[in-house]
Amino acid sequence: MADDLGDEWWENQPAGAASSPEASDGEGRGDTEMMQQETAPVPALSKKTKQPKECFLVQPKETKEDATKTRKRRKKITDVLAKSEPKPGTPEDLQKLMKDYYSSNRSVIELEELNLPDSCFLKANDLTHSLSSYLKEICPKWVKLRKNHNEKKSVLMLIICSSALRALELIRSMTAFRGDSKVMKLFAKHIKVQEQVKLLEKRVVHLGVGTPGRIKELIKQGGLNLNPLKFLVFDWNWRDQKLRRMMDIPEIRKEVFELLEMGVLSLCKSESLKLGLF
């Protein structure tokens, strides 16, 4: 009877219930250990700190196309002028420059007063003349004029240019025209204004060649009287190494217009003085 009950009991146990308590406990501990191993954080691997590396920017090589574009962008005004055909200056050019210069600080009526009649302008150089041939054309009676001139502190003809070096060139190039005329250098380089004033006071001078700044200063100091002046010639068309004409240089342009207002414009309007553009 006891054996039957024992068999019945084993048969009625669910599957796996027959295991011994020790075996059951062992399997439970094994599963727990495995879960702990799986969930335990993995220690981070120690990495050596890398030193920062220097970074160099490599400039891209300039291609021929880029160089061509750069050259085009850097085109200077001198390049344009070198390729352009030179045009002789005209009285209209001088009138326009004068209006542009004074337009910001003069009224319309004052600007109209600056206009010079065509009769005060001599024939302009058409770029075919040397200085001597041009002066002979505009002043065919020069010999007679200079013989009759005996006033000190004055000249019969003024030639205005942009620099002392250019003035020396002009003096050398007018030998055929000047003859026995007394010529005076009227620029600042190596010559003090007081010395020029004394020279003008001592002797009769027929021709003066110089810069507008120094001529202006001589007039201010009373060393040069403009009333006997008959011809005022601008070295208008000549260009320097940068291909600039004298009126393209702001400082020279300013001094020229200031000189014109120191009695030149009034003499032109009275028709006692003629203007020429060489």
Protein backbone atom coordinates (compact mmCIF):
# COMPACT_ATOMS: atom_id res chain seq x y z
CA MET A 1 0.00 0.00 0.00
CA ALA A 2 2.76 2.36 0.87
CA ASP A 3 4.52 1.53 -2.37
CA ASP A 4 1.43 2.32 -4.39
CA LEU A 5 1.03 5.66 -2.73
CA GLY A 6 4.66 6.38 -3.38
CA ASP A 7 4.33 5.62 -7.05
CA GLU A 8 1.22 7.73 -7.29
CA TRP A 9 2.97 10.66 -5.76
CA TRP A 10 5.89 10.55 -8.25
CA GLU A 11 3.52 10.19 -11.16
CA ASN A 12 1.44 13.23 -10.10
CA GLN A 13 4.46 15.57 -9.77
CA PRO A 14 4.93 18.11 -12.60
CA ALA A 15 7.88 17.69 -14.89
CA GLY A 16 11.11 18.85 -13.27
CA ALA A 17 9.66 18.59 -9.75
CA ALA A 18 11.58 15.39 -9.16
CA SER A 19 14.85 17.20 -8.97
CA SER A 20 16.49 17.36 -5.65
CA PRO A 21 16.48 20.65 -3.71
CA GLU A 22 20.28 20.79 -3.97
CA ALA A 23 20.21 20.49 -7.76
CA SER A 24 17.46 23.05 -8.02
CA ASP A 25 19.35 25.52 -5.88
CA GLY A 26 22.54 25.00 -7.91
CA GLU A 27 20.87 25.73 -11.20
CA GLY A 28 19.28 28.96 -9.77
CA ARG A 29 22.63 30.26 -8.58
CA GLY A 30 24.18 29.48 -11.94
CA ASP A 31 21.55 31.50 -13.83
CA THR A 32 21.94 34.45 -11.47
CA GLU A 33 25.71 34.49 -11.87
CA MET A 34 25.36 34.47 -15.67
CA MET A 35 22.94 37.42 -15.58
CA GLN A 36 25.30 39.35 -13.32
CA GLN A 37 28.18 38.68 -15.69
CA GLU A 38 26.12 39.86 -18.65
CA THR A 39 24.90 43.08 -17.00
CA ALA A 40 28.15 44.06 -15.29
CA PRO A 41 29.72 47.18 -16.90
CA VAL A 42 32.77 46.52 -19.02
CA PRO A 43 35.67 48.70 -17.85
CA ALA A 44 36.77 51.22 -20.51
CA LEU A 45 40.02 50.48 -22.20
CA SER A 46 42.68 52.97 -21.30
CA LYS A 47 43.69 55.01 -24.34
CA LYS A 48 46.84 57.01 -24.66
CA THR A 49 46.17 60.74 -25.01
CA LYS A 50 47.13 61.79 -28.56
CA GLN A 51 49.15 64.95 -28.99
CA PRO A 52 47.48 67.58 -31.25
CA LYS A 53 48.96 67.65 -34.72
CA GLU A 54 49.89 70.85 -36.54
CA CYS A 55 47.64 71.67 -39.47
CA PHE A 56 49.01 73.43 -42.54
CA LEU A 57 46.80 75.01 -45.19
CA VAL A 58 48.15 74.31 -48.63
CA GLN A 59 47.50 77.14 -51.09
CA PRO A 60 46.06 75.87 -54.34
CA LYS A 61 48.35 76.34 -57.28
CA GLU A 62 47.43 79.28 -59.48
CA THR A 63 46.36 78.14 -62.89
CA LYS A 64 47.03 80.02 -66.10
CA GLU A 65 43.38 80.99 -66.25
CA ASP A 66 43.51 82.49 -62.73
CA ALA A 67 46.67 84.41 -63.56
CA THR A 68 45.03 85.83 -66.66
CA LYS A 69 42.00 86.96 -64.66
CA THR A 70 44.27 88.61 -62.04
CA ARG A 71 46.15 90.46 -64.73
CA LYS A 72 42.90 91.66 -66.21
CA ARG A 73 41.69 92.93 -62.84
CA ARG A 74 44.96 94.77 -62.21
CA LYS A 75 44.86 96.72 -65.44
CA LYS A 76 46.09 100.23 -64.73
CA ILE A 77 45.03 103.51 -66.25
CA THR A 78 48.52 103.78 -67.72
CA ASP A 79 47.88 100.60 -69.72
CA VAL A 80 44.66 102.08 -71.09
CA LEU A 81 46.36 105.36 -71.97
CA ALA A 82 49.28 103.55 -73.62
CA LYS A 83 46.91 101.80 -76.02
CA SER A 84 44.63 104.77 -76.63
CA GLU A 85 45.41 107.19 -79.40
CA PRO A 86 46.60 110.59 -78.12
CA LYS A 87 44.24 113.49 -78.74
CA PRO A 88 45.42 117.10 -78.81
CA GLY A 89 44.06 119.42 -76.14
CA THR A 90 41.48 122.01 -77.07
CA PRO A 91 40.18 125.23 -75.44
CA GLU A 92 36.99 123.33 -74.63
CA ASP A 93 39.05 120.91 -72.50
CA LEU A 94 40.35 123.78 -70.38
CA GLN A 95 36.89 125.33 -70.02
CA LYS A 96 35.37 122.00 -68.97
CA LEU A 97 38.11 121.29 -66.42
CA MET A 98 37.61 124.74 -64.94
CA LYS A 99 33.84 124.23 -64.58
CA ASP A 100 34.30 120.79 -63.03
CA TYR A 101 36.85 122.13 -60.56
CA TYR A 102 34.70 125.03 -59.35
CA SER A 103 31.24 123.42 -59.68
CA SER A 104 31.09 122.34 -56.02
CA ASN A 105 31.70 125.79 -54.49
CA ARG A 106 30.53 128.30 -57.11
CA SER A 107 27.06 129.46 -58.08
CA VAL A 108 25.76 129.17 -61.64
CA ILE A 109 26.39 132.88 -62.23
CA GLU A 110 29.96 132.61 -60.91
CA LEU A 111 30.62 129.63 -63.17
CA GLU A 112 29.42 131.61 -66.18
CA GLU A 113 31.89 134.37 -65.30
CA LEU A 114 34.70 131.86 -65.67
CA ASN A 115 33.88 131.32 -69.34
CA LEU A 116 36.54 132.71 -71.65
CA PRO A 117 35.78 133.99 -75.15
CA ASP A 118 37.18 132.03 -78.08
CA SER A 119 39.16 135.11 -79.11
CA CYS A 120 41.50 134.76 -76.13
CA PHE A 121 42.73 131.32 -77.28
CA LEU A 122 45.57 130.78 -79.73
CA LYS A 123 45.64 127.89 -82.16
CA ALA A 124 46.23 124.67 -80.23
CA ASN A 125 49.05 122.26 -81.03
CA ASP A 126 47.82 119.42 -83.26
CA LEU A 127 50.67 117.18 -82.06
CA THR A 128 52.72 117.81 -85.21
CA HIS A 129 54.74 120.72 -83.82
CA SER A 130 57.96 121.02 -81.88
CA LEU A 131 57.89 123.76 -79.25
CA SER A 132 59.89 126.15 -81.45
CA SER A 133 57.68 125.62 -84.49
CA TYR A 134 54.53 126.04 -82.40
CA LEU A 135 55.74 129.29 -80.81
CA LYS A 136 56.73 130.65 -84.23
CA GLU A 137 53.24 129.93 -85.51
CA ILE A 138 51.38 131.60 -82.65
CA CYS A 139 53.80 134.52 -82.34
CA PRO A 140 55.27 135.40 -85.75
CA LYS A 141 56.29 138.91 -84.57
CA TRP A 142 58.27 137.74 -81.56
CA VAL A 143 61.54 139.47 -82.54
CA LYS A 144 59.84 142.86 -82.70
CA LEU A 145 57.99 142.29 -79.40
CA ARG A 146 61.08 141.35 -77.43
CA LYS A 147 63.03 144.35 -78.78
CA ASN A 148 60.31 146.69 -77.50
CA HIS A 149 60.10 145.04 -74.10
CA ASN A 150 62.15 146.82 -71.42
CA GLU A 151 60.12 146.36 -68.23
CA LYS A 152 61.72 144.59 -65.31
CA LYS A 153 59.89 142.20 -62.97
CA SER A 154 57.87 140.95 -65.93
CA VAL A 155 57.98 138.66 -68.96
CA LEU A 156 56.34 138.69 -72.38
CA MET A 157 55.68 134.95 -72.49
CA LEU A 158 55.11 132.35 -69.80
CA ILE A 159 55.32 128.62 -70.49
CA ILE A 160 53.79 126.54 -67.69
CA CYS A 161 54.68 122.87 -67.19
CA SER A 162 54.43 120.19 -64.50
CA SER A 163 58.01 119.92 -63.18
CA ALA A 164 61.48 121.44 -63.09
CA LEU A 165 62.93 118.68 -65.28
CA ARG A 166 60.28 119.26 -67.90
CA ALA A 167 60.98 123.01 -67.78
CA LEU A 168 64.65 122.35 -68.57
CA GLU A 169 63.65 120.13 -71.51
CA LEU A 170 61.40 122.88 -72.87
CA ILE A 171 64.11 125.52 -72.56
CA ARG A 172 66.53 123.33 -74.53
CA SER A 173 63.92 122.59 -77.21
CA MET A 174 63.05 126.25 -77.92
CA THR A 175 66.50 127.39 -79.05
CA ALA A 176 65.37 127.97 -82.63
CA PHE A 177 62.59 130.30 -81.48
CA ARG A 178 64.12 132.28 -78.62
CA GLY A 179 67.21 133.58 -80.40
CA ASP A 180 68.73 136.32 -78.19
CA SER A 181 65.77 136.39 -75.82
CA LYS A 182 66.48 136.32 -72.09
CA VAL A 183 64.97 133.19 -70.59
CA MET A 184 64.44 132.58 -66.88
CA LYS A 185 63.77 129.34 -65.02
CA LEU A 186 60.75 129.78 -62.77
CA PHE A 187 60.63 126.63 -60.66
CA ALA A 188 61.48 125.76 -57.07
CA LYS A 189 64.17 123.11 -57.50
CA HIS A 190 67.55 124.39 -56.19
CA ILE A 191 66.43 128.02 -56.57
CA LYS A 192 65.05 130.12 -53.72
CA VAL A 193 62.15 132.40 -54.47
CA GLN A 194 64.04 135.41 -53.06
CA GLU A 195 66.87 134.85 -55.56
CA GLN A 196 64.38 134.80 -58.43
CA VAL A 197 62.74 138.01 -57.18
CA LYS A 198 66.15 139.76 -57.16
CA LEU A 199 66.98 138.54 -60.67
CA LEU A 200 63.65 139.81 -62.02
CA GLU A 201 64.28 143.17 -60.37
CA LYS A 202 67.77 143.51 -61.86
CA ARG A 203 67.29 142.61 -65.51
CA VAL A 204 64.80 142.44 -68.34
CA VAL A 205 63.46 138.93 -69.03
CA HIS A 206 61.51 137.99 -72.14
CA LEU A 207 60.60 134.37 -71.51
CA GLY A 208 59.74 132.53 -68.31
CA VAL A 209 59.45 128.74 -68.13
CA GLY A 210 58.34 127.07 -64.92
CA THR A 211 55.76 125.49 -62.66
CA PRO A 212 52.46 127.10 -61.60
CA GLY A 213 53.28 126.89 -57.89
CA ARG A 214 56.48 128.94 -58.13
CA ILE A 215 55.00 131.45 -60.60
CA LYS A 216 52.09 131.94 -58.19
CA GLU A 217 54.51 132.59 -55.32
CA LEU A 218 56.48 135.16 -57.36
CA ILE A 219 53.26 137.05 -58.10
CA LYS A 220 52.29 137.00 -54.40
CA GLN A 221 55.66 138.42 -53.36
CA GLY A 222 55.52 141.16 -55.98
CA GLY A 223 58.45 139.78 -57.95
CA LEU A 224 56.43 139.19 -61.12
CA ASN A 225 53.97 141.59 -62.71
CA LEU A 226 51.50 140.00 -65.15
CA ASN A 227 50.31 143.19 -66.89
CA PRO A 228 52.99 143.18 -69.66
CA LEU A 229 52.38 139.45 -70.28
CA LYS A 230 51.21 138.74 -73.87
CA PHE A 231 51.31 134.92 -74.15
CA LEU A 232 50.59 132.18 -71.62
CA VAL A 233 51.30 128.69 -73.01
CA PHE A 234 50.43 125.45 -71.22
CA ASP A 235 52.52 122.34 -71.82
CA TRP A 236 49.20 120.58 -72.23
CA ASN A 237 49.78 117.42 -74.29
CA TRP A 238 53.06 116.13 -72.87
CA ARG A 239 52.83 113.03 -70.64
CA ASP A 240 55.20 111.89 -67.91
CA GLN A 241 56.40 108.31 -67.24
CA LYS A 242 53.00 107.47 -65.76
CA LEU A 243 51.37 108.87 -68.92
CA ARG A 244 49.82 111.76 -67.01
CA ARG A 245 49.38 115.18 -68.56
CA MET A 246 50.02 118.18 -66.34
CA MET A 247 46.29 118.72 -65.81
CA ASP A 248 45.84 115.06 -64.79
CA ILE A 249 47.89 115.71 -61.64
CA PRO A 250 45.56 117.09 -58.90
CA GLU A 251 48.20 119.33 -57.27
CA ILE A 252 49.21 120.91 -60.59
CA ARG A 253 45.59 121.35 -61.68
CA LYS A 254 44.76 123.14 -58.41
CA GLU A 255 47.74 125.50 -58.76
CA VAL A 256 46.92 126.26 -62.40
CA PHE A 257 43.37 127.33 -61.57
CA GLU A 258 44.58 129.41 -58.63
CA LEU A 259 47.08 131.09 -60.95
CA LEU A 260 44.36 131.85 -63.50
CA GLU A 261 42.40 133.68 -60.82
CA MET A 262 45.38 135.85 -59.89
CA GLY A 263 44.78 138.20 -62.80
CA VAL A 264 45.14 135.88 -65.80
CA LEU A 265 41.39 135.53 -66.47
CA SER A 266 40.81 139.29 -66.32
CA LEU A 267 43.72 139.90 -68.74
CA CYS A 268 42.27 137.29 -71.11
CA LYS A 269 38.84 138.93 -71.05
CA SER A 270 40.40 142.30 -71.82
CA GLU A 271 42.11 140.57 -74.79
CA SER A 272 45.57 141.76 -73.79
CA LEU A 273 46.64 138.16 -73.06
CA LYS A 274 46.36 135.06 -75.24
CA LEU A 275 46.32 131.44 -74.08
CA GLY A 276 47.94 128.57 -75.96
CA LEU A 277 47.86 124.77 -75.48
CA PHE A 278 51.06 123.11 -76.65
